């Protein structure tokens, strides 16, 4: 089976913070995770995991 995937691939950065910021406020993130995102990237990862 051949699969052709059309879609965008983005880089998602997810920050862990203690609270949501308010306008004008600056806070420091506790942790940051970088992962592949975008609809095309997520779909491609699902195909790869299913060995399609």
PDB file of N, CA and C in Angstrom:
ATOM      1  N   UNK A   1       0.847  -1.171   0.000  1.00  0.00           N
ATOM      2  CA  UNK A   1       0.000   0.000   0.000  1.00  0.00           C
ATOM      3  C   UNK A   1       0.894   1.236   0.000  1.00  0.00           C
ATOM      4  N   UNK A   2       0.536   2.208  -0.791  1.00  0.00           N
ATOM      5  CA  UNK A   2       1.285   3.454  -0.862  1.00  0.00           C
ATOM      6  C   UNK A   2       0.397   4.583  -0.376  1.00  0.00           C
ATOM      7  N   UNK A   3       0.916   5.375   0.550  1.00  0.00           N
ATOM      8  CA  UNK A   3       0.154   6.496   1.102  1.00  0.00           C
ATOM      9  C   UNK A   3       0.896   7.786   0.802  1.00  0.00           C
ATOM     10  N   UNK A   4       0.186   8.753   0.252  1.00  0.00           N
ATOM     11  CA  UNK A   4       0.745  10.074   0.012  1.00  0.00           C
ATOM     12  C   UNK A   4       0.023  11.033   0.949  1.00  0.00           C
ATOM     13  N   UNK A   5       0.796  11.740   1.741  1.00  0.00           N
ATOM     14  CA  UNK A   5       0.239  12.620   2.756  1.00  0.00           C
ATOM     15  C   UNK A   5       0.449  14.076   2.349  1.00  0.00           C
ATOM     16  N   UNK A   6      -0.642  14.820   2.195  1.00  0.00           N
ATOM     17  CA  UNK A   6      -0.568  16.244   1.920  1.00  0.00           C
ATOM     18  C   UNK A   6      -1.004  16.993   3.165  1.00  0.00           C
ATOM     19  N   UNK A   7      -0.189  17.879   3.636  1.00  0.00           N
ATOM     20  CA  UNK A   7      -0.534  18.659   4.816  1.00  0.00           C
ATOM     21  C   UNK A   7       0.695  19.365   5.343  1.00  0.00           C
ATOM     22  N   UNK A   8       0.488  20.206   6.310  1.00  0.00           N
ATOM     23  CA  UNK A   8       1.597  20.991   6.853  1.00  0.00           C
ATOM     24  C   UNK A   8       2.289  20.242   7.984  1.00  0.00           C
ATOM     25  N   UNK A   9       3.562  20.553   8.157  1.00  0.00           N
ATOM     26  CA  UNK A   9       4.333  20.033   9.281  1.00  0.00           C
ATOM     27  C   UNK A   9       4.835  21.233  10.060  1.00  0.00           C
ATOM     28  N   UNK A  10       4.481  21.325  11.308  1.00  0.00           N
ATOM     29  CA  UNK A  10       4.875  22.434  12.170  1.00  0.00           C
ATOM     30  C   UNK A  10       5.644  21.900  13.367  1.00  0.00           C
ATOM     31  N   UNK A  11       6.293  22.778  14.042  1.00  0.00           N
ATOM     32  CA  UNK A  11       6.954  22.440  15.297  1.00  0.00           C
ATOM     33  C   UNK A  11       6.131  23.074  16.417  1.00  0.00           C
ATOM     34  N   UNK A  12       5.616  22.255  17.324  1.00  0.00           N
ATOM     35  CA  UNK A  12       4.842  22.741  18.461  1.00  0.00           C
ATOM     36  C   UNK A  12       5.749  22.853  19.676  1.00  0.00           C
ATOM     37  N   UNK A  13       5.660  23.965  20.363  1.00  0.00           N
ATOM     38  CA  UNK A  13       6.364  24.148  21.621  1.00  0.00           C
ATOM     39  C   UNK A  13       5.304  24.292  22.713  1.00  0.00           C
ATOM     40  N   UNK A  14       5.347  23.392  23.687  1.00  0.00           N
ATOM     41  CA  UNK A  14       4.371  23.385  24.769  1.00  0.00           C
ATOM     42  C   UNK A  14       5.104  23.750  26.053  1.00  0.00           C
ATOM     43  N   UNK A  15       4.684  24.826  26.669  1.00  0.00           N
ATOM     44  CA  UNK A  15       5.330  25.316  27.884  1.00  0.00           C
ATOM     45  C   UNK A  15       4.487  24.988  29.103  1.00  0.00           C
ATOM     46  N   UNK A  16       5.134  24.534  30.161  1.00  0.00           N
ATOM     47  CA  UNK A  16       4.441  24.261  31.418  1.00  0.00           C
ATOM     48  C   UNK A  16       4.653  25.468  32.333  1.00  0.00           C
ATOM     49  N   UNK A  17       3.546  26.062  32.771  1.00  0.00           N
ATOM     50  CA  UNK A  17       3.596  27.232  33.653  1.00  0.00           C
ATOM     51  C   UNK A  17       2.701  26.982  34.862  1.00  0.00           C
ATOM     52  N   UNK A  18       2.941  27.739  35.909  1.00  0.00           N
ATOM     53  CA  UNK A  18       2.138  27.570  37.130  1.00  0.00           C
ATOM     54  C   UNK A  18       0.758  28.189  36.993  1.00  0.00           C
ATOM     55  N   UNK A  19       0.645  29.244  36.184  1.00  0.00           N
ATOM     56  CA  UNK A  19      -0.634  29.926  36.025  1.00  0.00           C
ATOM     57  C   UNK A  19      -0.677  30.593  34.658  1.00  0.00           C
ATOM     58  N   UNK A  20      -1.887  30.888  34.185  1.00  0.00           N
ATOM     59  CA  UNK A  20      -2.020  31.636  32.947  1.00  0.00           C
ATOM     60  C   UNK A  20      -1.574  33.067  33.197  1.00  0.00           C
ATOM     61  N   UNK A  21      -0.949  33.651  32.195  1.00  0.00           N
ATOM     62  CA  UNK A  21      -0.472  35.020  32.389  1.00  0.00           C
ATOM     63  C   UNK A  21      -1.596  36.018  32.186  1.00  0.00           C
ATOM     64  N   UNK A  22      -1.426  37.173  32.771  1.00  0.00           N
ATOM     65  CA  UNK A  22      -2.364  38.278  32.609  1.00  0.00           C
ATOM     66  C   UNK A  22      -1.713  39.313  31.703  1.00  0.00           C
ATOM     67  N   UNK A  23      -2.502  40.180  31.087  1.00  0.00           N
ATOM     68  CA  UNK A  23      -1.913  41.200  30.210  1.00  0.00           C
ATOM     69  C   UNK A  23      -0.824  42.002  30.934  1.00  0.00           C
ATOM     70  N   UNK A  24       0.334  42.131  30.283  1.00  0.00           N
ATOM     71  CA  UNK A  24       1.442  42.889  30.848  1.00  0.00           C
ATOM     72  C   UNK A  24       2.319  42.110  31.814  1.00  0.00           C
ATOM     73  N   UNK A  25       1.951  40.876  32.119  1.00  0.00           N
ATOM     74  CA  UNK A  25       2.687  40.061  33.089  1.00  0.00           C
ATOM     75  C   UNK A  25       3.726  39.206  32.360  1.00  0.00           C
ATOM     76  N   UNK A  26       4.868  38.994  32.990  1.00  0.00           N
ATOM     77  CA  UNK A  26       5.906  38.115  32.468  1.00  0.00           C
ATOM     78  C   UNK A  26       6.161  37.019  33.493  1.00  0.00           C
ATOM     79  N   UNK A  27       6.159  35.767  33.053  1.00  0.00           N
ATOM     80  CA  UNK A  27       6.424  34.649  33.951  1.00  0.00           C
ATOM     81  C   UNK A  27       7.479  33.738  33.321  1.00  0.00           C
ATOM     82  N   UNK A  28       8.032  32.855  34.114  1.00  0.00           N
ATOM     83  CA  UNK A  28       9.024  31.897  33.652  1.00  0.00           C
ATOM     84  C   UNK A  28       8.374  30.521  33.535  1.00  0.00           C
ATOM     85  N   UNK A  29       8.633  29.841  32.429  1.00  0.00           N
ATOM     86  CA  UNK A  29       8.092  28.498  32.233  1.00  0.00           C
ATOM     87  C   UNK A  29       8.901  27.499  33.050  1.00  0.00           C
ATOM     88  N   UNK A  30       8.208  26.479  33.573  1.00  0.00           N
ATOM     89  CA  UNK A  30       8.868  25.432  34.343  1.00  0.00           C
ATOM     90  C   UNK A  30       9.496  24.385  33.434  1.00  0.00           C
ATOM     91  N   UNK A  31       8.899  24.152  32.262  1.00  0.00           N
ATOM     92  CA  UNK A  31       9.384  23.128  31.355  1.00  0.00           C
ATOM     93  C   UNK A  31       8.886  23.444  29.947  1.00  0.00           C
ATOM     94  N   UNK A  32       9.588  22.940  28.943  1.00  0.00           N
ATOM     95  CA  UNK A  32       9.199  23.133  27.548  1.00  0.00           C
ATOM     96  C   UNK A  32       9.373  21.818  26.810  1.00  0.00           C
ATOM     97  N   UNK A  33       8.364  21.442  26.032  1.00  0.00           N
ATOM     98  CA  UNK A  33       8.416  20.236  25.219  1.00  0.00           C
ATOM     99  C   UNK A  33       8.276  20.643  23.759  1.00  0.00           C
ATOM    100  N   UNK A  34       9.115  20.091  22.905  1.00  0.00           N
ATOM    101  CA  UNK A  34       9.074  20.375  21.478  1.00  0.00           C
ATOM    102  C   UNK A  34       8.659  19.091  20.766  1.00  0.00           C
ATOM    103  N   UNK A  35       7.657  19.194  19.890  1.00  0.00           N
ATOM    104  CA  UNK A  35       7.162  18.009  19.192  1.00  0.00           C
ATOM    105  C   UNK A  35       6.699  18.395  17.797  1.00  0.00           C
ATOM    106  N   UNK A  36       6.622  17.398  16.919  1.00  0.00           N
ATOM    107  CA  UNK A  36       6.087  17.630  15.583  1.00  0.00           C
ATOM    108  C   UNK A  36       4.594  17.875  15.684  1.00  0.00           C
ATOM    109  N   UNK A  37       4.112  18.825  14.933  1.00  0.00           N
ATOM    110  CA  UNK A  37       2.690  19.143  14.954  1.00  0.00           C
ATOM    111  C   UNK A  37       2.196  19.425  13.549  1.00  0.00           C
ATOM    112  N   UNK A  38       1.078  20.084  13.455  1.00  0.00           N
ATOM    113  CA  UNK A  38       0.456  20.343  12.160  1.00  0.00           C
ATOM    114  C   UNK A  38      -0.356  19.132  11.743  1.00  0.00           C
ATOM    115  N   UNK A  39      -1.413  19.358  10.991  1.00  0.00           N
ATOM    116  CA  UNK A  39      -2.304  18.258  10.644  1.00  0.00           C
ATOM    117  C   UNK A  39      -1.580  17.189   9.839  1.00  0.00           C
ATOM    118  N   UNK A  40      -0.753  17.589   8.883  1.00  0.00           N
ATOM    119  CA  UNK A  40      -0.026  16.619   8.069  1.00  0.00           C
ATOM    120  C   UNK A  40       0.962  15.816   8.892  1.00  0.00           C
ATOM    121  N   UNK A  41       1.653  16.474   9.825  1.00  0.00           N
ATOM    122  CA  UNK A  41       2.622  15.779  10.669  1.00  0.00           C
ATOM    123  C   UNK A  41       1.970  14.772  11.592  1.00  0.00           C
ATOM    124  N   UNK A  42       0.852  15.144  12.167  1.00  0.00           N
ATOM    125  CA  UNK A  42       0.141  14.242  13.073  1.00  0.00           C
ATOM    126  C   UNK A  42      -0.399  13.039  12.299  1.00  0.00           C
ATOM    127  N   UNK A  43      -0.947  13.292  11.119  1.00  0.00           N
ATOM    128  CA  UNK A  43      -1.476  12.205  10.293  1.00  0.00           C
ATOM    129  C   UNK A  43      -0.353  11.254   9.873  1.00  0.00           C
ATOM    130  N   UNK A  44       0.791  11.803   9.495  1.00  0.00           N
ATOM    131  CA  UNK A  44       1.925  10.973   9.085  1.00  0.00           C
ATOM    132  C   UNK A  44       2.415  10.113  10.248  1.00  0.00           C
ATOM    133  N   UNK A  45       2.472  10.678  11.441  1.00  0.00           N
ATOM    134  CA  UNK A  45       2.904   9.918  12.626  1.00  0.00           C
ATOM    135  C   UNK A  45       1.933   8.768  12.911  1.00  0.00           C
ATOM    136  N   UNK A  46       0.632   9.020  12.742  1.00  0.00           N
ATOM    137  CA  UNK A  46      -0.354   7.945  12.955  1.00  0.00           C
ATOM    138  C   UNK A  46      -0.178   6.826  11.936  1.00  0.00           C
ATOM    139  N   UNK A  47       0.059   7.179  10.668  1.00  0.00           N
ATOM    140  CA  UNK A  47       0.291   6.159   9.643  1.00  0.00           C
ATOM    141  C   UNK A  47       1.528   5.334   9.982  1.00  0.00           C
ATOM    142  N   UNK A  48       2.595   5.997  10.435  1.00  0.00           N
ATOM    143  CA  UNK A  48       3.839   5.303  10.758  1.00  0.00           C
ATOM    144  C   UNK A  48       3.638   4.342  11.926  1.00  0.00           C
ATOM    145  N   UNK A  49       2.879   4.751  12.920  1.00  0.00           N
ATOM    146  CA  UNK A  49       2.639   3.888  14.087  1.00  0.00           C
ATOM    147  C   UNK A  49       1.795   2.672  13.732  1.00  0.00           C
ATOM    148  N   UNK A  50       0.938   2.810  12.728  1.00  0.00           N
ATOM    149  CA  UNK A  50       0.079   1.689  12.316  1.00  0.00           C
ATOM    150  C   UNK A  50       0.741   0.836  11.247  1.00  0.00           C
ATOM    151  N   UNK A  51       1.989   1.181  10.890  1.00  0.00           N
ATOM    152  CA  UNK A  51       2.730   0.464   9.848  1.00  0.00           C
ATOM    153  C   UNK A  51       1.977   0.433   8.526  1.00  0.00           C
ATOM    154  N   UNK A  52       1.314   1.535   8.222  1.00  0.00           N
ATOM    155  CA  UNK A  52       0.530   1.596   6.978  1.00  0.00           C
ATOM    156  C   UNK A  52       1.426   1.825   5.784  1.00  0.00           C
TER     157      UNK A  52
END
